Amino acid sequence: MGKSRRKQFGAIPVRFTPEGQLEIMLITSRQTRRWIVPKGWPMKGLDGHDTAAREAFEEAGVAGSIAAHPIGSYVYAKRLKRNATVDCEVELFPLTVEKERRRWPEMDERERRWFSPDEAAQLVDEEDLASIIEKLPDTLGSGQPG
């Protein structure tokens, strides 16, 4: 087998438009400016979903209600210093955004933008992440009651 995988937790910030269309927020990574979801290393004293919610606030400036159970995971190679990489498995939690802050900790380092699920799936590099995003409308159901 290969190297062991490190675990990370990620949030998929979502909202429904007034017409009931699901939108997904992506952010850019700091170095490569690729479109990604907010994610980070486990934090002492925080569950996975709480860690994901904290990362969503720090990296994307969003807050809301986060699901307690992951909807899937994907693996990517995280670049470390000196060109080393480590394989990370990211457990993903949907975050229903209730607040978008004008200012947030990493606002000067990242861009954030809302996309349709199809657009978001095409913009991310990781196939497993793309398929989780594509299935989100079914996973979450419509935002409309009834």
Protein backbone atom coordinates (compact mmCIF):
# COMPACT_ATOMS: atom_id res chain seq x y z
CA MET A 1 0.00 0.00 0.00
CA GLY A 2 1.00 3.64 0.05
CA LYS A 3 1.53 6.28 2.64
CA SER A 4 -1.09 6.64 5.30
CA ARG A 5 -3.75 9.27 4.75
CA ARG A 6 -4.22 12.25 7.00
CA LYS A 7 -7.79 13.19 7.89
CA GLN A 8 -9.28 16.62 7.27
CA PHE A 9 -12.79 18.01 7.65
CA GLY A 10 -14.48 20.19 5.09
CA ALA A 11 -17.67 22.18 4.70
CA ILE A 12 -19.76 22.57 1.57
CA PRO A 13 -21.47 25.93 2.05
CA VAL A 14 -24.94 25.83 0.46
CA ARG A 15 -27.98 28.07 0.12
CA PHE A 16 -31.25 28.03 -1.74
CA THR A 17 -32.29 30.93 -3.96
CA PRO A 18 -35.83 32.32 -3.51
CA GLU A 19 -36.79 30.12 -6.49
CA GLY A 20 -35.54 27.04 -4.64
CA GLN A 21 -32.36 26.58 -6.67
CA LEU A 22 -29.42 25.15 -4.75
CA GLU A 23 -26.19 27.15 -4.84
CA ILE A 24 -22.76 26.11 -3.58
CA MET A 25 -19.97 28.39 -2.42
CA LEU A 26 -16.44 27.61 -3.51
CA ILE A 27 -13.29 29.43 -2.43
CA THR A 28 -9.87 29.68 -4.02
CA SER A 29 -6.87 27.96 -2.52
CA ARG A 30 -4.14 30.28 -1.31
CA GLN A 31 -1.23 29.11 -3.46
CA THR A 32 -2.65 27.72 -6.67
CA ARG A 33 -5.95 29.68 -6.77
CA ARG A 34 -7.84 26.50 -7.62
CA TRP A 35 -11.52 26.34 -6.63
CA ILE A 36 -11.94 24.27 -3.46
CA VAL A 37 -14.19 23.91 -0.43
CA PRO A 38 -13.21 25.20 3.03
CA LYS A 39 -11.38 22.47 4.94
CA GLY A 40 -8.72 21.90 7.54
CA TRP A 41 -6.97 19.68 10.04
CA PRO A 42 -8.78 18.24 13.08
CA MET A 43 -8.96 20.68 15.99
CA LYS A 44 -8.53 19.62 19.58
CA GLY A 45 -11.85 19.60 21.40
CA LEU A 46 -13.94 19.95 18.23
CA ASP A 47 -15.94 17.28 16.40
CA GLY A 48 -15.48 16.91 12.67
CA HIS A 49 -18.53 18.99 11.78
CA ASP A 50 -17.55 21.73 14.24
CA THR A 51 -14.06 21.82 12.74
CA ALA A 52 -15.60 22.10 9.25
CA ALA A 53 -17.85 24.96 10.40
CA ARG A 54 -14.85 26.80 11.91
CA GLU A 55 -12.89 26.42 8.66
CA ALA A 56 -15.88 27.71 6.66
CA PHE A 57 -15.88 30.84 8.81
CA GLU A 58 -12.11 31.40 8.67
CA GLU A 59 -11.69 30.64 4.96
CA ALA A 60 -15.01 31.74 3.46
CA GLY A 61 -16.58 34.07 6.04
CA VAL A 62 -19.81 32.06 6.25
CA ALA A 63 -21.76 30.75 9.22
CA GLY A 64 -24.93 28.73 9.55
CA SER A 65 -26.16 25.30 10.52
CA ILE A 66 -23.86 22.40 9.71
CA ALA A 67 -24.93 18.78 9.37
CA ALA A 68 -23.71 16.49 12.15
CA HIS A 69 -22.94 13.62 9.76
CA PRO A 70 -20.67 13.68 6.72
CA ILE A 71 -22.24 13.20 3.28
CA GLY A 72 -19.09 11.71 1.80
CA SER A 73 -15.37 12.15 1.53
CA TYR A 74 -12.71 12.66 -1.11
CA VAL A 75 -8.95 12.29 -1.24
CA TYR A 76 -6.48 14.85 -2.51
CA ALA A 77 -2.72 15.42 -2.35
CA LYS A 78 -2.05 18.40 -0.10
CA ARG A 79 1.06 20.35 -0.97
CA LEU A 80 3.35 20.84 1.98
CA LYS A 81 6.50 22.93 2.18
CA ARG A 82 9.46 21.98 -0.03
CA ASN A 83 7.27 20.33 -2.68
CA ALA A 84 6.32 17.39 -0.49
CA THR A 85 2.71 16.22 -0.60
CA VAL A 86 0.57 14.22 1.78
CA ASP A 87 -2.61 12.35 0.86
CA CYS A 88 -5.57 13.72 2.79
CA GLU A 89 -9.04 12.29 3.11
CA VAL A 90 -11.56 15.06 3.62
CA GLU A 91 -14.89 14.27 5.30
CA LEU A 92 -17.52 16.70 3.99
CA PHE A 93 -20.39 18.29 5.89
CA PRO A 94 -23.05 20.47 4.22
CA LEU A 95 -23.30 23.91 5.83
CA THR A 96 -26.56 25.80 5.28
CA VAL A 97 -25.33 29.39 5.15
CA GLU A 98 -27.27 31.86 7.27
CA LYS A 99 -24.69 34.64 7.45
CA GLU A 100 -22.10 35.90 4.98
CA ARG A 101 -19.63 38.17 6.69
CA ARG A 102 -18.25 41.19 4.86
CA ARG A 103 -14.96 40.72 6.66
CA TRP A 104 -13.41 37.41 7.69
CA PRO A 105 -9.97 36.12 8.71
CA GLU A 106 -8.72 35.00 5.27
CA MET A 107 -10.58 37.51 3.08
CA ASP A 108 -7.37 38.97 1.68
CA GLU A 109 -6.02 35.55 0.71
CA ARG A 110 -9.01 33.95 -1.01
CA GLU A 111 -11.90 34.63 -3.33
CA ARG A 112 -15.36 33.21 -2.61
CA ARG A 113 -18.22 32.81 -5.06
CA TRP A 114 -21.62 31.08 -5.38
CA PHE A 115 -22.15 28.54 -8.18
CA SER A 116 -24.82 26.15 -9.36
CA PRO A 117 -24.01 22.51 -8.46
CA ASP A 118 -23.10 21.77 -12.10
CA GLU A 119 -20.76 24.75 -12.32
CA ALA A 120 -19.15 23.95 -8.98
CA ALA A 121 -18.65 20.30 -9.94
CA GLN A 122 -16.88 21.34 -13.14
CA LEU A 123 -14.60 23.82 -11.35
CA VAL A 124 -13.15 21.52 -8.68
CA ASP A 125 -10.26 19.25 -9.63
CA GLU A 126 -11.09 16.21 -7.52
CA GLU A 127 -13.46 13.78 -9.21
CA ASP A 128 -14.90 12.45 -5.94
CA LEU A 129 -15.57 15.99 -4.71
CA ALA A 130 -17.21 16.82 -8.04
CA SER A 131 -19.54 13.83 -7.81
CA ILE A 132 -20.52 14.68 -4.22
CA ILE A 133 -21.33 18.23 -5.37
CA GLU A 134 -23.30 16.97 -8.39
CA LYS A 135 -25.44 14.78 -6.15
CA LEU A 136 -26.05 17.51 -3.56
CA PRO A 137 -29.49 18.52 -4.87
CA ASP A 138 -30.65 14.92 -4.31
CA THR A 139 -28.73 14.56 -1.04
CA LEU A 140 -30.22 17.72 0.44
CA GLY A 141 -33.62 17.65 -1.24
CA SER A 142 -35.20 20.88 -2.43
CA GLY A 143 -35.24 23.87 -0.12
CA GLN A 144 -38.97 24.14 -0.52
CA PRO A 145 -41.38 22.78 2.07
CA GLY A 146 -43.91 20.22 0.90
